């Protein structure tokens, strides 16, 4: 039946649609999601599983996936190990787990959960500290988890309560009078101790933030610097020069100390200088230069057949041949060639390479069969393939790691907050007692706190001091 115009105008308003959610209600739902303890537990488990994957699955070196060519090359190198899973793991970001979207999303959700739980708990802690429940019923004293009944002896209720107050005040307990019952009072100690949990939670948030900042913004470069030479940082005006290197050994030949004298040069100006040891890095401009390794380098001059310089410097002999007789280094100067420099290993007389000479081997990039192999007598120019080589002798090199970790300061702050928070939580637990003079000449002291060994001793000591005025256990 069709309604008339009058009937239609007087029809009641329809209720809003069920899915019409106000912004305030939406915020409350999101907030309730984050402070839910089950959600927090699930996120912690997910984070642990992802971290396990990140440990078990090979992780690509930093910056590998910034360049499509290097990314594909690296994936091809691990494809024999992971087979058809390689592309799937790459798509999911499991080869760069700690910067992958799925890991960062779980980290973000866990951070929100920690913040939500902390914010939700703060009002409870504040009320307990600043506005405690002072008045309790007689039934509370009768059924309290921990209760001690003392007979007042010859003391009246006023004197007994006054003496109990003095004992608690002397031990630095706070006294709050019960406005509803003149024969009762509330006392507590370490009321701000529970706020240590908030500090600990804040430290967890800062630790997560430091981890994310370090994962996304950290920089690390390993530099092999010949003594007397310098190496420039990638994409930077900074270069590092090694003026000297000293190493010392014990009677068994084990190294006990090695130190490099480094100079940092920025835009052509010397800006920092220091002797660098393993645990004494040189700081400059947010970077730290750490002593990492040391060894022998071969001084090589390499030119093309027209005399143009291709390489002139020290080649660190960082590797050892499979039989241990030779030391091996590489020149990274020609894209289409892998160039190896080989010399006899230190102390080995069984090498096929005569002492005082070197060997150069040229390989097509990525191939195992050399296209040219020639000996380099010291000081002589030798033509190898399309290049001329001169071996000028050996020198020392020092291995320096340049590292910039922007999350490090935040991690220090988080560590301090965590220590302080845990110390407050476990070292200054909030203790609460309700004291009441009963009508039957007794003094009731009740508590709902769990009695650990420390609190048990403290509680018994306080009771003993109260009993000094002639009160005894009922």
Protein backbone atom coordinates (compact mmCIF):
# COMPACT_ATOMS: atom_id res chain seq x y z
CA UNK A 1 0.00 0.00 0.00
CA UNK A 2 1.33 3.42 -0.91
CA UNK A 3 1.77 5.92 1.98
CA UNK A 4 0.29 9.37 1.73
CA UNK A 5 2.54 12.43 1.85
CA UNK A 6 1.35 13.14 5.42
CA UNK A 7 2.11 9.59 6.52
CA UNK A 8 5.53 9.74 4.91
CA UNK A 9 6.45 13.01 6.60
CA UNK A 10 5.44 11.71 10.02
CA UNK A 11 7.30 8.42 9.68
CA UNK A 12 9.95 7.95 12.37
CA UNK A 13 13.64 8.40 11.44
CA UNK A 14 15.34 5.17 10.58
CA UNK A 15 18.20 4.10 12.89
CA UNK A 16 21.71 4.62 11.55
CA UNK A 17 23.31 1.79 9.69
CA UNK A 18 25.14 -0.74 11.86
CA UNK A 19 28.46 -0.04 10.11
CA UNK A 20 28.21 3.74 10.67
CA UNK A 21 31.00 4.06 13.27
CA UNK A 22 31.86 7.42 14.80
CA UNK A 23 35.54 8.49 14.97
CA UNK A 24 35.48 8.28 18.79
CA UNK A 25 34.07 4.74 18.72
CA UNK A 26 36.64 3.76 16.08
CA UNK A 27 39.45 5.14 18.26
CA UNK A 28 38.13 3.22 21.27
CA UNK A 29 38.07 0.00 19.28
CA UNK A 30 41.62 0.51 18.04
CA UNK A 31 42.75 1.38 21.57
CA UNK A 32 41.02 -1.71 22.98
CA UNK A 33 42.76 -3.84 20.33
CA UNK A 34 46.20 -2.58 21.30
CA UNK A 35 45.87 -2.90 25.09
CA UNK A 36 44.52 -6.44 24.77
CA UNK A 37 47.12 -8.74 26.37
CA UNK A 38 46.29 -11.60 24.00
CA UNK A 39 47.12 -9.38 21.03
CA UNK A 40 50.44 -8.47 22.63
CA UNK A 41 51.28 -12.12 23.26
CA UNK A 42 50.44 -13.11 19.67
CA UNK A 43 52.61 -10.27 18.32
CA UNK A 44 55.54 -11.34 20.50
CA UNK A 45 55.22 -14.90 19.18
CA UNK A 46 55.06 -13.64 15.58
CA UNK A 47 58.15 -11.49 16.15
CA UNK A 48 60.01 -14.48 17.59
CA UNK A 49 59.06 -16.62 14.57
CA UNK A 50 60.22 -13.93 12.12
CA UNK A 51 63.47 -13.51 14.04
CA UNK A 52 63.97 -17.28 13.82
CA UNK A 53 63.50 -17.13 10.05
CA UNK A 54 65.97 -14.25 9.92
CA UNK A 55 68.51 -16.39 11.78
CA UNK A 56 68.01 -19.61 9.80
CA UNK A 57 67.65 -18.07 6.33
CA UNK A 58 70.74 -16.48 4.78
CA UNK A 59 70.54 -12.68 4.88
CA UNK A 60 71.77 -10.55 2.00
CA UNK A 61 74.55 -8.02 2.71
CA UNK A 62 73.42 -4.46 3.34
CA UNK A 63 72.59 -2.59 0.13
CA UNK A 64 72.32 -5.72 -2.04
CA UNK A 65 68.70 -5.09 -3.00
CA UNK A 66 69.25 -1.39 -3.66
CA UNK A 67 70.56 -2.31 -7.11
CA UNK A 68 68.55 -4.72 -9.31
CA UNK A 69 71.71 -6.16 -10.87
CA UNK A 70 73.41 -6.93 -7.56
CA UNK A 71 70.12 -8.26 -6.18
CA UNK A 72 69.71 -10.69 -9.09
CA UNK A 73 73.34 -11.74 -8.85
CA UNK A 74 72.97 -12.49 -5.15
CA UNK A 75 69.73 -14.41 -5.68
CA UNK A 76 71.41 -16.52 -8.34
CA UNK A 77 74.21 -17.32 -5.90
CA UNK A 78 71.77 -18.70 -3.29
CA UNK A 79 69.40 -20.38 -5.76
CA UNK A 80 71.23 -23.76 -5.57
CA UNK A 81 70.55 -23.76 -1.83
CA UNK A 82 66.90 -22.69 -1.78
CA UNK A 83 65.73 -23.87 -5.22
CA UNK A 84 62.24 -22.75 -6.27
CA UNK A 85 61.74 -21.16 -2.83
CA UNK A 86 64.31 -18.47 -3.71
CA UNK A 87 61.90 -16.13 -5.52
CA UNK A 88 59.15 -16.70 -2.94
CA UNK A 89 61.47 -15.90 -0.03
CA UNK A 90 62.73 -12.85 -1.90
CA UNK A 91 59.17 -11.63 -2.56
CA UNK A 92 58.30 -12.03 1.15
CA UNK A 93 61.46 -10.16 2.10
CA UNK A 94 62.94 -13.06 4.08
CA UNK A 95 66.44 -12.45 2.64
CA UNK A 96 66.40 -9.00 4.25
CA UNK A 97 64.18 -9.94 7.16
CA UNK A 98 65.00 -7.13 9.56
CA UNK A 99 64.09 -4.42 7.05
CA UNK A 100 61.25 -6.31 5.34
CA UNK A 101 57.71 -4.85 5.36
CA UNK A 102 56.24 -7.82 7.27
CA UNK A 103 58.85 -7.52 10.04
CA UNK A 104 58.42 -3.74 10.31
CA UNK A 105 54.61 -4.11 10.42
CA UNK A 106 54.83 -6.61 13.30
CA UNK A 107 57.33 -4.32 15.05
CA UNK A 108 54.96 -1.36 14.62
CA UNK A 109 51.96 -3.33 15.93
CA UNK A 110 53.96 -4.61 18.90
CA UNK A 111 55.07 -1.06 19.68
CA UNK A 112 51.44 0.05 19.59
CA UNK A 113 50.51 -2.85 21.89
CA UNK A 114 53.21 -1.95 24.43
CA UNK A 115 52.15 1.71 24.37
CA UNK A 116 48.47 0.77 24.65
CA UNK A 117 49.02 -1.57 27.61
CA UNK A 118 51.18 1.05 29.36
CA UNK A 119 48.72 3.91 28.82
CA UNK A 120 45.85 1.68 29.95
CA UNK A 121 47.68 0.78 33.16
CA UNK A 122 48.97 4.24 34.09
CA UNK A 123 45.65 5.54 35.55
CA UNK A 124 45.47 2.44 37.77
CA UNK A 125 49.01 3.03 39.04
CA UNK A 126 48.30 6.72 39.57
CA UNK A 127 45.15 6.05 41.60
CA UNK A 128 46.98 3.50 43.75
CA UNK A 129 49.80 5.96 44.39
CA UNK A 130 47.89 9.22 44.82
CA UNK A 131 44.33 8.20 45.74
CA UNK A 132 44.54 4.83 47.49
CA UNK A 133 41.57 3.02 48.92
CA UNK A 134 41.83 4.07 52.54
CA UNK A 135 38.60 2.82 54.09
CA UNK A 136 37.97 -0.93 54.24
CA UNK A 137 35.25 -2.86 56.01
CA UNK A 138 35.52 -5.00 59.11
CA UNK A 139 34.95 -8.01 56.83
CA UNK A 140 38.09 -7.07 54.87
CA UNK A 141 40.16 -7.32 58.05
CA UNK A 142 38.51 -10.60 58.89
CA UNK A 143 39.19 -12.21 55.48
CA UNK A 144 42.40 -10.46 54.33
CA UNK A 145 45.00 -12.68 52.71
CA UNK A 146 47.60 -11.58 55.27
CA UNK A 147 46.42 -10.54 58.74
CA UNK A 148 48.03 -10.04 62.13
CA UNK A 149 45.94 -9.55 65.28
CA UNK A 150 47.59 -7.93 68.30
CA UNK A 151 46.04 -7.50 71.74
CA UNK A 152 46.36 -3.91 72.93
CA UNK A 153 47.03 -4.87 76.55
CA UNK A 154 46.68 -1.81 78.76
CA UNK A 155 46.78 0.57 75.79
CA UNK A 156 43.65 2.29 74.66
CA UNK A 157 42.76 2.36 71.00
CA UNK A 158 44.11 5.91 70.55
CA UNK A 159 47.49 5.09 72.12
CA UNK A 160 47.79 1.82 70.24
CA UNK A 161 47.08 3.52 66.90
CA UNK A 162 49.46 6.39 67.74
CA UNK A 163 52.25 3.95 68.53
CA UNK A 164 51.61 1.99 65.31
CA UNK A 165 51.71 5.25 63.32
CA UNK A 166 55.05 6.22 64.88
CA UNK A 167 56.54 2.81 64.00
CA UNK A 168 55.47 3.08 60.37
CA UNK A 169 56.58 6.72 60.05
CA UNK A 170 59.99 5.86 61.48
CA UNK A 171 60.37 3.26 58.72
CA UNK A 172 59.30 5.86 56.10
CA UNK A 173 55.82 4.53 55.45
CA UNK A 174 53.16 7.00 54.34
CA UNK A 175 50.18 7.40 56.69
CA UNK A 176 46.72 8.27 55.32
CA UNK A 177 43.95 8.69 57.87
CA UNK A 178 40.59 7.03 57.36
CA UNK A 179 38.03 9.85 57.26
CA UNK A 180 35.18 7.39 57.76
CA UNK A 181 36.67 5.60 60.78
CA UNK A 182 38.73 7.42 63.42
CA UNK A 183 40.02 4.06 64.70
CA UNK A 184 41.71 3.12 61.40
CA UNK A 185 44.36 4.32 59.00
CA UNK A 186 46.05 3.25 55.78
CA UNK A 187 49.83 3.06 55.32
CA UNK A 188 52.02 2.22 52.36
CA UNK A 189 55.62 2.34 51.16
CA UNK A 190 57.26 2.66 47.73
CA UNK A 191 54.07 3.90 46.15
CA UNK A 192 55.90 4.96 42.97
CA UNK A 193 57.71 1.63 42.60
CA UNK A 194 55.10 0.15 40.20
CA UNK A 195 55.80 3.00 37.76
CA UNK A 196 59.01 1.11 37.01
CA UNK A 197 56.92 -1.12 34.74
CA UNK A 198 56.01 1.97 32.68
CA UNK A 199 59.70 2.87 32.39
CA UNK A 200 60.53 -0.71 31.36
CA UNK A 201 57.77 -0.64 28.73
CA UNK A 202 59.05 2.73 27.48
CA UNK A 203 62.52 1.19 27.20
CA UNK A 204 61.12 -1.64 25.06
CA UNK A 205 59.56 0.93 22.72
CA UNK A 206 62.87 2.80 22.49
CA UNK A 207 64.78 -0.44 21.88
CA UNK A 208 62.42 -1.30 19.02
CA UNK A 209 62.76 2.24 17.64
CA UNK A 210 66.56 2.02 17.90
CA UNK A 211 66.52 -1.32 16.10
CA UNK A 212 64.38 0.03 13.25
CA UNK A 213 66.46 3.21 12.92
CA UNK A 214 69.67 1.17 12.88
CA UNK A 215 68.27 -1.30 10.34
CA UNK A 216 67.12 1.43 7.96
CA UNK A 217 69.73 4.12 8.52
CA UNK A 218 72.97 2.48 9.61
CA UNK A 219 76.10 2.58 7.49
CA UNK A 220 79.04 0.19 7.54
CA UNK A 221 82.05 -0.09 5.25
CA UNK A 222 85.13 -2.26 5.59
CA UNK A 223 88.28 -0.50 4.40
CA UNK A 224 91.64 -2.09 3.74
CA UNK A 225 94.18 0.69 4.16
CA UNK A 226 97.84 0.18 3.27
CA UNK A 227 100.22 1.71 5.80
CA UNK A 228 101.15 5.10 4.42
CA UNK A 229 98.10 5.13 2.14
CA UNK A 230 94.48 6.26 2.43
CA UNK A 231 91.02 5.06 1.42
CA UNK A 232 87.93 7.17 0.78
CA UNK A 233 84.52 6.32 2.19
CA UNK A 234 81.87 5.53 -0.41
CA UNK A 235 79.87 8.59 -1.54
CA UNK A 236 81.67 10.81 0.95
CA UNK A 237 84.25 13.57 1.24
CA UNK A 238 85.91 11.62 4.06
CA UNK A 239 89.04 9.55 3.61
CA UNK A 240 91.10 7.70 6.18
CA UNK A 241 94.90 7.54 6.18
CA UNK A 242 96.96 4.96 8.07
CA UNK A 243 100.23 6.58 9.11
CA UNK A 244 101.58 3.54 10.97
CA UNK A 245 100.74 0.11 12.30
CA UNK A 246 102.24 -1.79 15.23
CA UNK A 247 101.57 -5.32 16.40
CA UNK A 248 102.97 -7.29 19.34
CA UNK A 249 102.87 -10.98 20.23
CA UNK A 250 103.35 -13.22 23.26
CA UNK A 251 105.93 -15.99 23.58
CA UNK A 252 103.64 -18.45 21.77
CA UNK A 253 103.22 -16.15 18.79
CA UNK A 254 99.66 -15.06 19.64
CA UNK A 255 98.85 -11.38 19.00
CA UNK A 256 98.39 -9.43 22.23
CA UNK A 257 97.95 -5.96 20.74
CA UNK A 258 97.69 -4.26 17.38
CA UNK A 259 97.19 -0.57 16.85
CA UNK A 260 96.83 1.74 13.85
CA UNK A 261 97.57 5.44 13.85
CA UNK A 262 94.71 6.84 11.79
CA UNK A 263 94.07 10.30 10.39
CA UNK A 264 90.61 11.32 9.15
CA UNK A 265 90.62 13.79 6.27
CA UNK A 266 87.40 15.60 5.34
CA UNK A 267 87.29 17.71 2.17
CA UNK A 268 91.09 17.76 2.09
CA UNK A 269 91.49 18.87 5.72
CA UNK A 270 92.82 16.73 8.58
CA UNK A 271 90.03 16.72 11.18
CA UNK A 272 90.79 13.83 13.57
CA UNK A 273 93.72 11.67 14.59
CA UNK A 274 94.01 8.78 17.04
CA UNK A 275 95.70 5.47 17.78
CA UNK A 276 92.96 2.92 17.11
CA UNK A 277 92.72 -0.44 18.85
CA UNK A 278 90.01 -3.10 18.80
CA UNK A 279 88.09 -1.50 21.69
CA UNK A 280 89.19 2.09 21.08
CA UNK A 281 87.59 3.35 17.84
CA UNK A 282 88.20 6.80 16.37
CA UNK A 283 84.97 8.87 16.36
CA UNK A 284 84.23 11.59 13.82
CA UNK A 285 81.04 13.10 12.45
CA UNK A 286 78.77 10.39 13.84
CA UNK A 287 81.07 7.69 12.44
CA UNK A 288 83.32 5.34 14.38
CA UNK A 289 86.40 3.77 12.84
CA UNK A 290 87.14 0.37 14.41
CA UNK A 291 90.32 -1.69 14.17
CA UNK A 292 89.22 -4.98 12.62
CA UNK A 293 92.15 -6.82 11.06
CA UNK A 294 95.64 -6.47 9.64
CA UNK A 295 97.97 -8.26 7.25
CA UNK A 296 100.38 -8.06 4.32
CA UNK A 297 99.68 -6.25 1.05
CA UNK A 298 101.36 -6.40 -2.37
CA UNK A 299 102.25 -3.02 -3.91
CA UNK A 300 101.10 -3.17 -7.55
CA UNK A 301 101.17 -0.69 -10.42
CA UNK A 302 98.79 -1.61 -13.27
CA UNK A 303 98.48 0.29 -16.56
CA UNK A 304 96.94 -0.42 -19.94
CA UNK A 305 99.11 -0.93 -23.02
CA UNK A 306 98.95 2.81 -23.77
CA UNK A 307 100.42 3.65 -20.37
CA UNK A 308 97.20 4.93 -18.75
CA UNK A 309 97.00 4.18 -15.03
CA UNK A 310 94.44 1.52 -14.08
CA UNK A 311 95.54 0.78 -10.52
CA UNK A 312 98.36 2.01 -8.32
CA UNK A 313 98.35 0.94 -4.68
CA UNK A 314 98.50 -1.87 -2.16
CA UNK A 315 96.55 -5.08 -2.76
CA UNK A 316 95.66 -6.67 0.61
CA UNK A 317 96.50 -10.38 0.62
CA UNK A 318 93.44 -11.25 2.68
CA UNK A 319 92.95 -14.88 1.68
CA UNK A 320 94.96 -18.08 1.73
CA UNK A 321 95.10 -20.71 -0.99
CA UNK A 322 93.46 -24.07 -0.29
CA UNK A 323 96.82 -25.73 0.42
CA UNK A 324 97.90 -22.87 2.69
CA UNK A 325 101.11 -22.13 0.79
CA UNK A 326 100.07 -18.84 -0.84
CA UNK A 327 98.49 -15.53 0.15
CA UNK A 328 95.89 -14.15 -2.26
CA UNK A 329 94.48 -10.69 -2.94
CA UNK A 330 92.25 -9.13 -5.60
CA UNK A 331 92.31 -5.95 -7.69
CA UNK A 332 88.84 -4.54 -8.34
CA UNK A 333 89.69 -2.19 -11.19
CA UNK A 334 88.28 -3.75 -14.38
CA UNK A 335 84.61 -4.75 -14.54
CA UNK A 336 85.00 -7.61 -17.01
CA UNK A 337 88.00 -9.17 -15.24
CA UNK A 338 88.74 -10.81 -11.91
CA UNK A 339 92.40 -10.03 -11.17
CA UNK A 340 94.21 -11.99 -8.47
CA UNK A 341 97.64 -11.27 -6.99
CA UNK A 342 99.34 -14.26 -5.33
CA UNK A 343 102.50 -14.34 -3.18
CA UNK A 344 104.08 -16.98 -0.93
CA UNK A 345 102.33 -17.14 2.45
CA UNK A 346 104.31 -15.87 5.43
CA UNK A 347 106.68 -18.53 6.75
CA UNK A 348 105.94 -21.00 3.94
CA UNK A 349 108.94 -22.19 1.94
CA UNK A 350 107.04 -24.83 -0.03
CA UNK A 351 105.22 -22.38 -2.33
CA UNK A 352 105.82 -22.73 -6.08
CA UNK A 353 106.22 -18.94 -6.21
CA UNK A 354 109.80 -17.84 -5.39
CA UNK A 355 110.22 -15.56 -2.36
CA UNK A 356 110.34 -11.91 -3.41
CA UNK A 357 108.09 -12.38 -6.44
CA UNK A 358 104.35 -12.40 -7.08
CA UNK A 359 101.97 -14.05 -9.52
CA UNK A 360 99.13 -12.34 -11.40
CA UNK A 361 96.11 -14.32 -12.65
CA UNK A 362 93.45 -12.90 -14.97
CA UNK A 363 89.97 -14.48 -15.09
CA UNK A 364 86.84 -13.53 -17.04
CA UNK A 365 84.39 -12.13 -14.46
CA UNK A 366 82.68 -14.96 -12.60
CA UNK A 367 84.68 -17.71 -14.32
CA UNK A 368 87.12 -20.24 -12.83
CA UNK A 369 89.46 -20.74 -15.82
CA UNK A 370 92.24 -18.12 -16.10
CA UNK A 371 92.97 -16.45 -19.43
CA UNK A 372 96.48 -15.44 -18.36
CA UNK A 373 98.89 -16.33 -15.54
CA UNK A 374 102.34 -14.76 -15.20
CA UNK A 375 105.06 -14.31 -12.60
CA UNK A 376 105.95 -10.77 -11.51
CA UNK A 377 109.58 -10.39 -10.47
CA UNK A 378 109.94 -7.46 -8.10
CA UNK A 379 110.55 -4.15 -9.86
CA UNK A 380 110.08 -5.48 -13.40
CA UNK A 381 107.31 -4.49 -15.81
CA UNK A 382 105.44 -7.53 -17.16
CA UNK A 383 102.76 -7.61 -19.86
CA UNK A 384 99.77 -9.78 -18.93
CA UNK A 385 96.90 -9.79 -21.42
CA UNK A 386 96.06 -6.19 -22.28
CA UNK A 387 97.77 -4.71 -19.21
CA UNK A 388 101.21 -3.98 -17.78
CA UNK A 389 102.02 -4.93 -14.15
CA UNK A 390 104.84 -3.97 -11.79
CA UNK A 391 105.26 -5.67 -8.41
CA UNK A 392 107.01 -3.18 -6.11
CA UNK A 393 107.25 -5.39 -3.02
CA UNK A 394 105.15 -6.02 0.09
CA UNK A 395 103.88 -3.75 2.85
CA UNK A 396 101.45 -3.95 5.78
CA UNK A 397 97.80 -3.06 5.66
CA UNK A 398 95.26 -2.43 8.39
CA UNK A 399 91.60 -3.43 8.19
CA UNK A 400 89.30 -0.68 9.45
CA UNK A 401 85.51 -0.83 9.71
CA UNK A 402 83.72 2.51 9.43
CA UNK A 403 80.36 2.33 11.16
CA UNK A 404 77.56 4.79 11.73
CA UNK A 405 74.69 3.54 13.89
CA UNK A 406 72.08 6.31 14.37
CA UNK A 407 70.08 4.10 16.71
CA UNK A 408 72.93 3.65 19.18
CA UNK A 409 72.23 6.74 21.37
CA UNK A 410 68.58 5.72 21.63
CA UNK A 411 69.65 2.23 22.65
CA UNK A 412 71.76 3.63 25.48
CA UNK A 413 68.81 5.67 26.76
CA UNK A 414 66.58 2.58 26.51
CA UNK A 415 69.10 0.46 28.42
CA UNK A 416 69.25 2.99 31.25
CA UNK A 417 65.45 3.19 31.42
CA UNK A 418 65.22 -0.61 31.46
CA UNK A 419 67.69 -0.95 34.34
CA UNK A 420 65.98 1.82 36.34
CA UNK A 421 62.53 0.41 35.60
CA UNK A 422 63.43 -3.13 36.62
CA UNK A 423 65.19 -1.84 39.74
CA UNK A 424 62.09 0.14 40.74
CA UNK A 425 59.72 -2.73 39.97
CA UNK A 426 61.56 -5.45 41.86
CA UNK A 427 63.58 -3.43 44.38
CA UNK A 428 60.85 -1.04 45.52
CA UNK A 429 57.61 -3.00 45.44
CA UNK A 430 54.52 -1.16 46.58
CA UNK A 431 53.56 -2.38 50.08
CA UNK A 432 50.13 -1.57 51.55
CA UNK A 433 48.68 -2.14 55.01
CA UNK A 434 45.38 -1.30 56.69
CA UNK A 435 45.43 -0.85 60.46
CA UNK A 436 42.30 -0.83 62.64
CA UNK A 437 41.61 -0.82 66.36
CA UNK A 438 38.90 -3.41 66.92
CA UNK A 439 36.20 -3.15 69.59
CA UNK A 440 37.47 -6.25 71.39
CA UNK A 441 40.74 -4.62 72.52
CA UNK A 442 42.73 -5.82 69.52
CA UNK A 443 44.68 -4.14 66.77
CA UNK A 444 44.20 -5.64 63.30
CA UNK A 445 46.89 -5.19 60.63
CA UNK A 446 45.82 -6.50 57.22
CA UNK A 447 47.47 -6.69 53.82
CA UNK A 448 46.61 -8.06 50.40
CA UNK A 449 50.23 -8.11 49.17
CA UNK A 450 52.04 -11.38 48.64
CA UNK A 451 54.64 -12.04 51.32
CA UNK A 452 57.96 -12.86 49.72
CA UNK A 453 60.98 -13.55 51.92
CA UNK A 454 62.08 -9.91 52.03
CA UNK A 455 58.62 -8.56 52.79
CA UNK A 456 58.05 -11.29 55.37
CA UNK A 457 61.13 -10.15 57.31
CA UNK A 458 60.15 -6.49 56.99
CA UNK A 459 56.58 -7.19 58.11
CA UNK A 460 57.68 -9.24 61.12
CA UNK A 461 60.19 -6.55 62.11
CA UNK A 462 57.47 -3.88 62.05
CA UNK A 463 55.14 -6.10 64.09
CA UNK A 464 57.95 -6.68 66.58
CA UNK A 465 58.44 -2.91 67.00
CA UNK A 466 54.73 -2.41 67.54
CA UNK A 467 54.74 -5.18 70.15
CA UNK A 468 57.45 -3.36 72.11
CA UNK A 469 54.71 -1.27 73.74
CA UNK A 470 53.23 -4.30 75.44
CA UNK A 471 51.03 -5.58 72.65
CA UNK A 472 51.12 -9.31 71.93
CA UNK A 473 49.72 -11.69 69.31
CA UNK A 474 46.08 -12.46 69.92
